[in-house]
Amino acid sequence: SSDRYSMQDLFDAEDVLLPELVSVHSTWAR
């Protein structure tokens, strides 16, 4: 789902989650 978050996701939101998502998104798109 694109709208489900865990508590850990919310803790990681800015410093961990966003770079992780960008990396996976880029890999899939490539």
PDB file of all heavy atoms in Angstrom:
ATOM      1  N   SER A   1       0.846  -1.185   0.000  1.00  0.00           N
ATOM      2  CA  SER A   1       0.000   0.000   0.000  1.00  0.00           C
ATOM      3  C   SER A   1       0.886   1.241   0.000  1.00  0.00           C
ATOM      4  O   SER A   1       1.983   1.220   0.557  1.00  0.00           O
ATOM      5  CB  SER A   1      -0.884  -0.011   1.248  1.00  0.00           C
ATOM      6  OG  SER A   1      -1.502   1.234   1.431  1.00  0.00           O
ATOM      7  N   SER A   2       0.394   2.319  -0.599  1.00  0.00           N
ATOM      8  CA  SER A   2       1.194   3.546  -0.635  1.00  0.00           C
ATOM      9  C   SER A   2       0.891   4.474   0.540  1.00  0.00           C
ATOM     10  O   SER A   2       1.525   5.504   0.692  1.00  0.00           O
ATOM     11  CB  SER A   2       0.963   4.288  -1.944  1.00  0.00           C
ATOM     12  OG  SER A   2      -0.373   4.714  -2.038  1.00  0.00           O
ATOM     13  N   ASP A   3      -0.054   4.102   1.392  1.00  0.00           N
ATOM     14  CA  ASP A   3      -0.413   5.012   2.478  1.00  0.00           C
ATOM     15  C   ASP A   3      -0.350   4.373   3.869  1.00  0.00           C
ATOM     16  O   ASP A   3      -0.921   4.878   4.819  1.00  0.00           O
ATOM     17  CB  ASP A   3      -1.786   5.613   2.231  1.00  0.00           C
ATOM     18  CG  ASP A   3      -2.863   4.581   2.014  1.00  0.00           C
ATOM     19  OD1 ASP A   3      -2.563   3.373   2.092  1.00  0.00           O
ATOM     20  OD2 ASP A   3      -4.008   4.973   1.757  1.00  0.00           O
ATOM     21  N   ARG A   4       0.375   3.292   4.002  1.00  0.00           N
ATOM     22  CA  ARG A   4       0.527   2.636   5.302  1.00  0.00           C
ATOM     23  C   ARG A   4       1.942   2.888   5.819  1.00  0.00           C
ATOM     24  O   ARG A   4       2.915   2.696   5.100  1.00  0.00           O
ATOM     25  CB  ARG A   4       0.297   1.133   5.142  1.00  0.00           C
ATOM     26  CG  ARG A   4       0.264   0.398   6.453  1.00  0.00           C
ATOM     27  CD  ARG A   4      -0.026  -1.071   6.271  1.00  0.00           C
ATOM     28  NE  ARG A   4      -1.299  -1.237   5.577  1.00  0.00           N
ATOM     29  CZ  ARG A   4      -1.643  -2.327   4.919  1.00  0.00           C
ATOM     30  NH1 ARG A   4      -0.819  -3.341   4.833  1.00  0.00           N
ATOM     31  NH2 ARG A   4      -2.813  -2.412   4.326  1.00  0.00           N
ATOM     32  N   TYR A   5       2.037   3.330   7.060  1.00  0.00           N
ATOM     33  CA  TYR A   5       3.336   3.608   7.673  1.00  0.00           C
ATOM     34  C   TYR A   5       3.425   2.895   9.013  1.00  0.00           C
ATOM     35  O   TYR A   5       2.442   2.782   9.735  1.00  0.00           O
ATOM     36  CB  TYR A   5       3.509   5.119   7.928  1.00  0.00           C
ATOM     37  CG  TYR A   5       3.668   5.925   6.678  1.00  0.00           C
ATOM     38  CD1 TYR A   5       2.561   6.450   6.019  1.00  0.00           C
ATOM     39  CD2 TYR A   5       4.927   6.173   6.147  1.00  0.00           C
ATOM     40  CE1 TYR A   5       2.708   7.191   4.862  1.00  0.00           C
ATOM     41  CE2 TYR A   5       5.087   6.919   4.989  1.00  0.00           C
ATOM     42  CZ  TYR A   5       3.973   7.422   4.356  1.00  0.00           C
ATOM     43  OH  TYR A   5       4.127   8.145   3.212  1.00  0.00           O
ATOM     44  N   SER A   6       4.625   2.463   9.354  1.00  0.00           N
ATOM     45  CA  SER A   6       4.866   1.903  10.688  1.00  0.00           C
ATOM     46  C   SER A   6       5.385   3.030  11.578  1.00  0.00           C
ATOM     47  O   SER A   6       5.768   4.098  11.096  1.00  0.00           O
ATOM     48  CB  SER A   6       5.909   0.781  10.610  1.00  0.00           C
ATOM     49  OG  SER A   6       7.182   1.322  10.310  1.00  0.00           O
ATOM     50  N   MET A   7       5.431   2.785  12.861  1.00  0.00           N
ATOM     51  CA  MET A   7       5.985   3.784  13.778  1.00  0.00           C
ATOM     52  C   MET A   7       7.456   4.039  13.436  1.00  0.00           C
ATOM     53  O   MET A   7       7.917   5.171  13.463  1.00  0.00           O
ATOM     54  CB  MET A   7       5.852   3.324  15.232  1.00  0.00           C
ATOM     55  CG  MET A   7       4.427   3.348  15.746  1.00  0.00           C
ATOM     56  SD  MET A   7       3.677   4.986  15.683  1.00  0.00           S
ATOM     57  CE  MET A   7       4.602   5.827  16.935  1.00  0.00           C
ATOM     58  N   GLN A   8       8.160   2.975  13.075  1.00  0.00           N
ATOM     59  CA  GLN A   8       9.572   3.126  12.715  1.00  0.00           C
ATOM     60  C   GLN A   8       9.731   4.028  11.487  1.00  0.00           C
ATOM     61  O   GLN A   8      10.640   4.836  11.412  1.00  0.00           O
ATOM     62  CB  GLN A   8      10.217   1.758  12.459  1.00  0.00           C
ATOM     63  CG  GLN A   8      11.715   1.828  12.266  1.00  0.00           C
ATOM     64  CD  GLN A   8      12.429   2.343  13.519  1.00  0.00           C
ATOM     65  OE1 GLN A   8      12.193   1.863  14.616  1.00  0.00           O
ATOM     66  NE2 GLN A   8      13.303   3.321  13.340  1.00  0.00           N
ATOM     67  N   ASP A   9       8.824   3.895  10.524  1.00  0.00           N
ATOM     68  CA  ASP A   9       8.864   4.757   9.332  1.00  0.00           C
ATOM     69  C   ASP A   9       8.763   6.220   9.741  1.00  0.00           C
ATOM     70  O   ASP A   9       9.474   7.078   9.201  1.00  0.00           O
ATOM     71  CB  ASP A   9       7.701   4.440   8.384  1.00  0.00           C
ATOM     72  CG  ASP A   9       7.764   3.050   7.809  1.00  0.00           C
ATOM     73  OD1 ASP A   9       8.872   2.473   7.732  1.00  0.00           O
ATOM     74  OD2 ASP A   9       6.691   2.530   7.435  1.00  0.00           O
ATOM     75  N   LEU A  10       7.891   6.507  10.689  1.00  0.00           N
ATOM     76  CA  LEU A  10       7.702   7.891  11.123  1.00  0.00           C
ATOM     77  C   LEU A  10       8.935   8.411  11.861  1.00  0.00           C
ATOM     78  O   LEU A  10       9.317   9.567  11.692  1.00  0.00           O
ATOM     79  CB  LEU A  10       6.446   8.012  11.988  1.00  0.00           C
ATOM     80  CG  LEU A  10       5.143   7.633  11.272  1.00  0.00           C
ATOM     81  CD1 LEU A  10       3.968   7.688  12.233  1.00  0.00           C
ATOM     82  CD2 LEU A  10       4.898   8.506  10.064  1.00  0.00           C
ATOM     83  N   PHE A  11       9.576   7.550  12.640  1.00  0.00           N
ATOM     84  CA  PHE A  11      10.822   7.951  13.313  1.00  0.00           C
ATOM     85  C   PHE A  11      11.940   8.211  12.300  1.00  0.00           C
ATOM     86  O   PHE A  11      12.747   9.111  12.454  1.00  0.00           O
ATOM     87  CB  PHE A  11      11.292   6.887  14.310  1.00  0.00           C
ATOM     88  CG  PHE A  11      10.427   6.773  15.532  1.00  0.00           C
ATOM     89  CD1 PHE A  11       9.947   5.538  15.934  1.00  0.00           C
ATOM     90  CD2 PHE A  11      10.096   7.900  16.286  1.00  0.00           C
ATOM     91  CE1 PHE A  11       9.145   5.424  17.069  1.00  0.00           C
ATOM     92  CE2 PHE A  11       9.300   7.788  17.425  1.00  0.00           C
ATOM     93  CZ  PHE A  11       8.819   6.548  17.812  1.00  0.00           C
ATOM     94  N   ASP A  12      11.958   7.378  11.244  1.00  0.00           N
ATOM     95  CA  ASP A  12      13.011   7.446  10.225  1.00  0.00           C
ATOM     96  C   ASP A  12      12.721   8.455   9.114  1.00  0.00           C
ATOM     97  O   ASP A  12      13.561   8.643   8.232  1.00  0.00           O
ATOM     98  CB  ASP A  12      13.192   6.080   9.558  1.00  0.00           C
ATOM     99  CG  ASP A  12      13.734   5.022  10.491  1.00  0.00           C
ATOM    100  OD1 ASP A  12      14.250   5.389  11.560  1.00  0.00           O
ATOM    101  OD2 ASP A  12      13.647   3.831  10.141  1.00  0.00           O
ATOM    102  N   ALA A  13      11.568   9.087   9.157  1.00  0.00           N
ATOM    103  CA  ALA A  13      11.039   9.851   8.024  1.00  0.00           C
ATOM    104  C   ALA A  13      12.053  10.699   7.269  1.00  0.00           C
ATOM    105  O   ALA A  13      12.220  10.533   6.067  1.00  0.00           O
ATOM    106  CB  ALA A  13       9.862  10.712   8.472  1.00  0.00           C
ATOM    107  N   GLU A  14      12.723  11.607   7.903  1.00  0.00           N
ATOM    108  CA  GLU A  14      13.581  12.535   7.175  1.00  0.00           C
ATOM    109  C   GLU A  14      14.976  12.014   6.896  1.00  0.00           C
ATOM    110  O   GLU A  14      15.459  12.089   5.775  1.00  0.00           O
ATOM    111  CB  GLU A  14      13.678  13.864   7.922  1.00  0.00           C
ATOM    112  CG  GLU A  14      12.429  14.704   7.766  1.00  0.00           C
ATOM    113  CD  GLU A  14      12.609  16.064   8.377  1.00  0.00           C
ATOM    114  OE1 GLU A  14      13.694  16.644   8.217  1.00  0.00           O
ATOM    115  OE2 GLU A  14      11.662  16.534   9.011  1.00  0.00           O
ATOM    116  N   ASP A  15      15.629  11.486   7.902  1.00  0.00           N
ATOM    117  CA  ASP A  15      17.046  11.167   7.740  1.00  0.00           C
ATOM    118  C   ASP A  15      17.324   9.775   7.173  1.00  0.00           C
ATOM    119  O   ASP A  15      18.355   9.563   6.546  1.00  0.00           O
ATOM    120  CB  ASP A  15      17.805  11.363   9.046  1.00  0.00           C
ATOM    121  CG  ASP A  15      17.212  10.584  10.208  1.00  0.00           C
ATOM    122  OD1 ASP A  15      16.038  10.189  10.115  1.00  0.00           O
ATOM    123  OD2 ASP A  15      17.916  10.382  11.211  1.00  0.00           O
ATOM    124  N   VAL A  16      16.411   8.831   7.333  1.00  0.00           N
ATOM    125  CA  VAL A  16      16.654   7.468   6.855  1.00  0.00           C
ATOM    126  C   VAL A  16      15.679   7.071   5.745  1.00  0.00           C
ATOM    127  O   VAL A  16      16.092   6.578   4.697  1.00  0.00           O
ATOM    128  CB  VAL A  16      16.558   6.449   8.022  1.00  0.00           C
ATOM    129  CG1 VAL A  16      16.708   5.023   7.519  1.00  0.00           C
ATOM    130  CG2 VAL A  16      17.582   6.757   9.093  1.00  0.00           C
ATOM    131  N   LEU A  17      14.415   7.302   5.971  1.00  0.00           N
ATOM    132  CA  LEU A  17      13.379   6.811   5.064  1.00  0.00           C
ATOM    133  C   LEU A  17      13.445   7.442   3.678  1.00  0.00           C
ATOM    134  O   LEU A  17      13.416   6.733   2.666  1.00  0.00           O
ATOM    135  CB  LEU A  17      11.990   7.033   5.671  1.00  0.00           C
ATOM    136  CG  LEU A  17      10.812   6.515   4.860  1.00  0.00           C
ATOM    137  CD1 LEU A  17      10.918   5.011   4.661  1.00  0.00           C
ATOM    138  CD2 LEU A  17       9.503   6.869   5.542  1.00  0.00           C
ATOM    139  N   LEU A  18      13.537   8.745   3.612  1.00  0.00           N
ATOM    140  CA  LEU A  18      13.539   9.411   2.311  1.00  0.00           C
ATOM    141  C   LEU A  18      14.707   8.967   1.437  1.00  0.00           C
ATOM    142  O   LEU A  18      14.493   8.571   0.286  1.00  0.00           O
ATOM    143  CB  LEU A  18      13.509  10.930   2.468  1.00  0.00           C
ATOM    144  CG  LEU A  18      13.337  11.711   1.167  1.00  0.00           C
ATOM    145  CD1 LEU A  18      12.071  11.302   0.430  1.00  0.00           C
ATOM    146  CD2 LEU A  18      13.332  13.200   1.451  1.00  0.00           C
ATOM    147  N   PRO A  19      15.955   8.960   1.940  1.00  0.00           N
ATOM    148  CA  PRO A  19      17.055   8.472   1.096  1.00  0.00           C
ATOM    149  C   PRO A  19      16.881   7.007   0.670  1.00  0.00           C
ATOM    150  O   PRO A  19      17.207   6.634  -0.452  1.00  0.00           O
ATOM    151  CB  PRO A  19      18.295   8.624   1.985  1.00  0.00           C
ATOM    152  CG  PRO A  19      17.918   9.640   3.006  1.00  0.00           C
ATOM    153  CD  PRO A  19      16.447   9.506   3.210  1.00  0.00           C
ATOM    154  N   GLU A  20      16.326   6.205   1.570  1.00  0.00           N
ATOM    155  CA  GLU A  20      16.085   4.796   1.254  1.00  0.00           C
ATOM    156  C   GLU A  20      15.061   4.671   0.121  1.00  0.00           C
ATOM    157  O   GLU A  20      15.262   3.917  -0.838  1.00  0.00           O
ATOM    158  CB  GLU A  20      15.582   4.088   2.514  1.00  0.00           C
ATOM    159  CG  GLU A  20      15.487   2.593   2.408  1.00  0.00           C
ATOM    160  CD  GLU A  20      15.036   1.979   3.730  1.00  0.00           C
ATOM    161  OE1 GLU A  20      15.557   2.374   4.795  1.00  0.00           O
ATOM    162  OE2 GLU A  20      14.156   1.109   3.696  1.00  0.00           O
ATOM    163  N   LEU A  21      13.967   5.420   0.224  1.00  0.00           N
ATOM    164  CA  LEU A  21      12.941   5.398  -0.815  1.00  0.00           C
ATOM    165  C   LEU A  21      13.475   5.906  -2.146  1.00  0.00           C
ATOM    166  O   LEU A  21      13.189   5.335  -3.203  1.00  0.00           O
ATOM    167  CB  LEU A  21      11.735   6.246  -0.404  1.00  0.00           C
ATOM    168  CG  LEU A  21      10.731   5.601   0.520  1.00  0.00           C
ATOM    169  CD1 LEU A  21       9.633   6.593   0.876  1.00  0.00           C
ATOM    170  CD2 LEU A  21      10.145   4.356  -0.100  1.00  0.00           C
ATOM    171  N   VAL A  22      14.227   6.985  -2.116  1.00  0.00           N
ATOM    172  CA  VAL A  22      14.803   7.552  -3.337  1.00  0.00           C
ATOM    173  C   VAL A  22      15.707   6.525  -4.009  1.00  0.00           C
ATOM    174  O   VAL A  22      15.679   6.358  -5.233  1.00  0.00           O
ATOM    175  CB  VAL A  22      15.559   8.866  -3.042  1.00  0.00           C
ATOM    176  CG1 VAL A  22      16.399   9.301  -4.222  1.00  0.00           C
ATOM    177  CG2 VAL A  22      14.571   9.965  -2.656  1.00  0.00           C
ATOM    178  N   SER A  23      16.500   5.819  -3.217  1.00  0.00           N
ATOM    179  CA  SER A  23      17.410   4.815  -3.759  1.00  0.00           C
ATOM    180  C   SER A  23      16.656   3.670  -4.440  1.00  0.00           C
ATOM    181  O   SER A  23      16.972   3.284  -5.566  1.00  0.00           O
ATOM    182  CB  SER A  23      18.301   4.268  -2.644  1.00  0.00           C
ATOM    183  OG  SER A  23      19.082   3.220  -3.113  1.00  0.00           O
ATOM    184  N   VAL A  24      15.643   3.126  -3.772  1.00  0.00           N
ATOM    185  CA  VAL A  24      14.859   2.019  -4.338  1.00  0.00           C
ATOM    186  C   VAL A  24      14.097   2.513  -5.567  1.00  0.00           C
ATOM    187  O   VAL A  24      14.084   1.842  -6.609  1.00  0.00           O
ATOM    188  CB  VAL A  24      13.901   1.410  -3.287  1.00  0.00           C
ATOM    189  CG1 VAL A  24      12.993   0.375  -3.927  1.00  0.00           C
ATOM    190  CG2 VAL A  24      14.691   0.798  -2.141  1.00  0.00           C
ATOM    191  N   HIS A  25      13.481   3.671  -5.480  1.00  0.00           N
ATOM    192  CA  HIS A  25      12.751   4.263  -6.606  1.00  0.00           C
ATOM    193  C   HIS A  25      13.674   4.395  -7.816  1.00  0.00           C
ATOM    194  O   HIS A  25      13.316   4.023  -8.937  1.00  0.00           O
ATOM    195  CB  HIS A  25      12.186   5.626  -6.188  1.00  0.00           C
ATOM    196  CG  HIS A  25      11.341   6.293  -7.199  1.00  0.00           C
ATOM    197  ND1 HIS A  25      11.868   6.963  -8.286  1.00  0.00           N
ATOM    198  CD2 HIS A  25       9.992   6.423  -7.309  1.00  0.00           C
ATOM    199  CE1 HIS A  25      10.896   7.468  -9.011  1.00  0.00           C
ATOM    200  NE2 HIS A  25       9.742   7.147  -8.437  1.00  0.00           N
ATOM    201  N   SER A  26      14.867   4.912  -7.607  1.00  0.00           N
ATOM    202  CA  SER A  26      15.836   5.093  -8.695  1.00  0.00           C
ATOM    203  C   SER A  26      16.259   3.766  -9.305  1.00  0.00           C
ATOM    204  O   SER A  26      16.366   3.644 -10.525  1.00  0.00           O
ATOM    205  CB  SER A  26      17.075   5.828  -8.191  1.00  0.00           C
ATOM    206  OG  SER A  26      16.742   7.108  -7.761  1.00  0.00           O
ATOM    207  N   THR A  27      16.479   2.783  -8.460  1.00  0.00           N
ATOM    208  CA  THR A  27      16.881   1.461  -8.941  1.00  0.00           C
ATOM    209  C   THR A  27      15.781   0.837  -9.787  1.00  0.00           C
ATOM    210  O   THR A  27      16.035   0.305 -10.877  1.00  0.00           O
ATOM    211  CB  THR A  27      17.234   0.535  -7.760  1.00  0.00           C
ATOM    212  OG1 THR A  27      18.303   1.121  -7.021  1.00  0.00           O
ATOM    213  CG2 THR A  27      17.627  -0.856  -8.222  1.00  0.00           C
ATOM    214  N   TRP A  28      14.554   0.898  -9.302  1.00  0.00           N
ATOM    215  CA  TRP A  28      13.430   0.337 -10.052  1.00  0.00           C
ATOM    216  C   TRP A  28      13.226   1.095 -11.356  1.00  0.00           C
ATOM    217  O   TRP A  28      13.028   0.483 -12.406  1.00  0.00           O
ATOM    218  CB  TRP A  28      12.158   0.375  -9.216  1.00  0.00           C
ATOM    219  CG  TRP A  28      12.111  -0.618  -8.092  1.00  0.00           C
ATOM    220  CD1 TRP A  28      13.114  -1.440  -7.651  1.00  0.00           C
ATOM    221  CD2 TRP A  28      10.996  -0.889  -7.261  1.00  0.00           C
ATOM    222  NE1 TRP A  28      12.687  -2.190  -6.598  1.00  0.00           N
ATOM    223  CE2 TRP A  28      11.385  -1.882  -6.332  1.00  0.00           C
ATOM    224  CE3 TRP A  28       9.705  -0.379  -7.194  1.00  0.00           C
ATOM    225  CZ2 TRP A  28      10.522  -2.382  -5.363  1.00  0.00           C
ATOM    226  CZ3 TRP A  28       8.836  -0.873  -6.220  1.00  0.00           C
ATOM    227  CH2 TRP A  28       9.244  -1.876  -5.316  1.00  0.00           C
ATOM    228  N   ALA A  29      13.253   2.413 -11.295  1.00  0.00           N
ATOM    229  CA  ALA A  29      13.049   3.223 -12.503  1.00  0.00           C
ATOM    230  C   ALA A  29      14.150   2.949 -13.523  1.00  0.00           C
ATOM    231  O   ALA A  29      13.878   2.837 -14.725  1.00  0.00           O
ATOM    232  CB  ALA A  29      13.006   4.705 -12.149  1.00  0.00           C
ATOM    233  N   ARG A  30      15.393   2.827 -13.073  1.00  0.00           N
ATOM    234  CA  ARG A  30      16.500   2.540 -13.990  1.00  0.00           C
ATOM    235  C   ARG A  30      16.296   1.180 -14.649  1.00  0.00           C
ATOM    236  O   ARG A  30      16.503   1.013 -15.839  1.00  0.00           O
ATOM    237  CB  ARG A  30      17.841   2.596 -13.255  1.00  0.00           C
ATOM    238  CG  ARG A  30      19.037   2.424 -14.191  1.00  0.00           C
ATOM    239  CD  ARG A  30      20.389   2.519 -13.497  1.00  0.00           C
ATOM    240  NE  ARG A  30      20.538   1.496 -12.471  1.00  0.00           N
ATOM    241  CZ  ARG A  30      20.581   1.729 -11.155  1.00  0.00           C
ATOM    242  NH1 ARG A  30      20.503   2.960 -10.695  1.00  0.00           N
ATOM    243  NH2 ARG A  30      20.701   0.751 -10.299  1.00  0.00           N
TER     244      ARG A  30
END
